[in-house]
C-alpha atoms as a PDB file:
ATOM      1  CA  UNK A   1      37.086  -9.642  -1.722  1.00  0.00           C
ATOM      2  CA  UNK A   2      37.123  -9.937   1.999  1.00  0.00           C
ATOM      3  CA  UNK A   3      34.353  -9.296   4.448  1.00  0.00           C
ATOM      4  CA  UNK A   4      35.118  -6.570   6.938  1.00  0.00           C
ATOM      5  CA  UNK A   5      34.620  -6.855  10.681  1.00  0.00           C
ATOM      6  CA  UNK A   6      30.975  -6.903  11.692  1.00  0.00           C
ATOM      7  CA  UNK A   7      30.860  -4.042  14.187  1.00  0.00           C
ATOM      8  CA  UNK A   8      32.351  -1.082  12.310  1.00  0.00           C
ATOM      9  CA  UNK A   9      30.593   2.192  11.570  1.00  0.00           C
ATOM     10  CA  UNK A  10      30.786   1.448   7.852  1.00  0.00           C
ATOM     11  CA  UNK A  11      29.010  -1.891   8.277  1.00  0.00           C
ATOM     12  CA  UNK A  12      26.326  -0.217  10.383  1.00  0.00           C
ATOM     13  CA  UNK A  13      25.813   2.476   7.716  1.00  0.00           C
ATOM     14  CA  UNK A  14      25.624  -0.132   4.960  1.00  0.00           C
ATOM     15  CA  UNK A  15      23.003  -2.066   6.924  1.00  0.00           C
ATOM     16  CA  UNK A  16      20.904   1.084   7.315  1.00  0.00           C
ATOM     17  CA  UNK A  17      21.020   1.692   3.561  1.00  0.00           C
ATOM     18  CA  UNK A  18      20.271  -1.960   2.816  1.00  0.00           C
ATOM     19  CA  UNK A  19      17.332  -2.017   5.213  1.00  0.00           C
ATOM     20  CA  UNK A  20      15.813   1.093   3.663  1.00  0.00           C
ATOM     21  CA  UNK A  21      16.072  -0.430   0.167  1.00  0.00           C
ATOM     22  CA  UNK A  22      14.795  -3.881   1.097  1.00  0.00           C
ATOM     23  CA  UNK A  23      11.088  -2.988   0.973  1.00  0.00           C
ATOM     24  CA  UNK A  24      11.512  -1.262  -2.384  1.00  0.00           C
ATOM     25  CA  UNK A  25      13.171  -4.355  -3.846  1.00  0.00           C
ATOM     26  CA  UNK A  26      10.427  -6.540  -2.375  1.00  0.00           C
ATOM     27  CA  UNK A  27       7.773  -4.355  -4.034  1.00  0.00           C
ATOM     28  CA  UNK A  28       9.622  -4.604  -7.359  1.00  0.00           C
ATOM     29  CA  UNK A  29       9.738  -8.374  -7.003  1.00  0.00           C
ATOM     30  CA  UNK A  30       6.013  -8.523  -6.239  1.00  0.00           C
ATOM     31  CA  UNK A  31       5.171  -6.548  -9.383  1.00  0.00           C
ATOM     32  CA  UNK A  32       7.380  -8.715 -11.616  1.00  0.00           C
ATOM     33  CA  UNK A  33       6.067 -11.923 -10.013  1.00  0.00           C
ATOM     34  CA  UNK A  34       2.438 -10.858 -10.578  1.00  0.00           C
ATOM     35  CA  UNK A  35       3.227 -10.066 -14.219  1.00  0.00           C
ATOM     36  CA  UNK A  36       4.957 -13.402 -14.760  1.00  0.00           C
ATOM     37  CA  UNK A  37       2.232 -15.372 -12.972  1.00  0.00           C
ATOM     38  CA  UNK A  38      -0.601 -13.843 -14.999  1.00  0.00           C
ATOM     39  CA  UNK A  39       1.111 -13.824 -18.381  1.00  0.00           C
ATOM     40  CA  UNK A  40       1.096 -11.364 -21.219  1.00  0.00           C
ATOM     41  CA  UNK A  41      -2.085  -9.570 -22.204  1.00  0.00           C
ATOM     42  CA  UNK A  42      -4.176 -10.637 -19.216  1.00  0.00           C
ATOM     43  CA  UNK A  43      -4.062  -7.682 -16.795  1.00  0.00           C
ATOM     44  CA  UNK A  44      -4.995  -4.042 -17.063  1.00  0.00           C
ATOM     45  CA  UNK A  45      -2.797  -1.480 -15.331  1.00  0.00           C
ATOM     46  CA  UNK A  46      -5.388  -1.109 -12.570  1.00  0.00           C
ATOM     47  CA  UNK A  47      -5.618  -4.858 -12.055  1.00  0.00           C
ATOM     48  CA  UNK A  48      -1.835  -5.133 -11.854  1.00  0.00           C
ATOM     49  CA  UNK A  49      -1.700  -2.354  -9.263  1.00  0.00           C
ATOM     50  CA  UNK A  50      -4.505  -4.011  -7.295  1.00  0.00           C
ATOM     51  CA  UNK A  51      -2.903  -7.467  -7.321  1.00  0.00           C
ATOM     52  CA  UNK A  52       0.427  -5.963  -6.252  1.00  0.00           C
ATOM     53  CA  UNK A  53      -1.165  -4.055  -3.392  1.00  0.00           C
ATOM     54  CA  UNK A  54      -3.150  -7.076  -2.189  1.00  0.00           C
ATOM     55  CA  UNK A  55      -0.073  -9.316  -2.320  1.00  0.00           C
ATOM     56  CA  UNK A  56       1.967  -6.780  -0.347  1.00  0.00           C
ATOM     57  CA  UNK A  57      -0.816  -6.435   2.236  1.00  0.00           C
ATOM     58  CA  UNK A  58      -0.925 -10.197   2.709  1.00  0.00           C
ATOM     59  CA  UNK A  59       2.844 -10.389   3.070  1.00  0.00           C
ATOM     60  CA  UNK A  60       2.689  -7.536   5.541  1.00  0.00           C
ATOM     61  CA  UNK A  61       0.222  -9.477   7.677  1.00  0.00           C
ATOM     62  CA  UNK A  62       2.318 -12.642   7.513  1.00  0.00           C
ATOM     63  CA  UNK A  63       5.683 -11.056   8.226  1.00  0.00           C
ATOM     64  CA  UNK A  64       4.664  -8.079  10.388  1.00  0.00           C
ATOM     65  CA  UNK A  65       5.836  -5.355   8.015  1.00  0.00           C
ATOM     66  CA  UNK A  66       4.999  -2.333  10.142  1.00  0.00           C
ATOM     67  CA  UNK A  67       5.379   0.322   7.453  1.00  0.00           C
ATOM     68  CA  UNK A  68       2.130   1.064   5.596  1.00  0.00           C
ATOM     69  CA  UNK A  69       4.091   2.345   2.598  1.00  0.00           C
ATOM     70  CA  UNK A  70       5.094  -1.257   1.911  1.00  0.00           C
ATOM     71  CA  UNK A  71       1.701  -1.795   0.273  1.00  0.00           C
ATOM     72  CA  UNK A  72       1.111   1.766  -0.925  1.00  0.00           C
ATOM     73  CA  UNK A  73      -0.654   1.596  -4.289  1.00  0.00           C
ATOM     74  CA  UNK A  74       1.041   4.811  -5.473  1.00  0.00           C
ATOM     75  CA  UNK A  75       4.484   3.219  -5.102  1.00  0.00           C
ATOM     76  CA  UNK A  76       3.409   0.285  -7.254  1.00  0.00           C
ATOM     77  CA  UNK A  77       1.871   2.713  -9.756  1.00  0.00           C
ATOM     78  CA  UNK A  78       5.177   4.585  -9.969  1.00  0.00           C
ATOM     79  CA  UNK A  79       7.167   1.401 -10.552  1.00  0.00           C
ATOM     80  CA  UNK A  80       4.724   0.147 -13.185  1.00  0.00           C
ATOM     81  CA  UNK A  81       4.869   3.557 -14.857  1.00  0.00           C
ATOM     82  CA  UNK A  82       8.675   3.359 -14.944  1.00  0.00           C
ATOM     83  CA  UNK A  83       8.502  -0.119 -16.504  1.00  0.00           C
ATOM     84  CA  UNK A  84       6.221   1.319 -19.190  1.00  0.00           C
ATOM     85  CA  UNK A  85       8.485   4.339 -19.709  1.00  0.00           C
ATOM     86  CA  UNK A  86      11.475   2.034 -20.217  1.00  0.00           C
ATOM     87  CA  UNK A  87       9.497  -0.091 -22.676  1.00  0.00           C
ATOM     88  CA  UNK A  88       9.722  -3.205 -20.514  1.00  0.00           C
ATOM     89  CA  UNK A  89       5.940  -3.504 -20.441  1.00  0.00           C
ATOM     90  CA  UNK A  90       3.356  -1.862 -22.690  1.00  0.00           C
ATOM     91  CA  UNK A  91      -0.348  -1.574 -23.217  1.00  0.00           C
ATOM     92  CA  UNK A  92      -1.805  -3.873 -25.828  1.00  0.00           C
ATOM     93  CA  UNK A  93      -4.730  -3.260 -28.139  1.00  0.00           C
END
């Protein structure tokens, strides 16, 4: 593989796509990190959503994330729901 020149239209388009996906990947990382940090069987769905939102808000303050959707609770809820749907996490008794 070889890196293309830095100022082409294709590179610019790829950067736009990458930038738009970056916050989504950061939210996914936050959710997984909160799950790993707290361990199995310790958080309810609401607590997980809350911890994710609070972590994203703090990161937003530190790194000047201007977009309020970065810490939108509904986006975390959707991701957590997808993890449950795929069987990667589940409710315990």
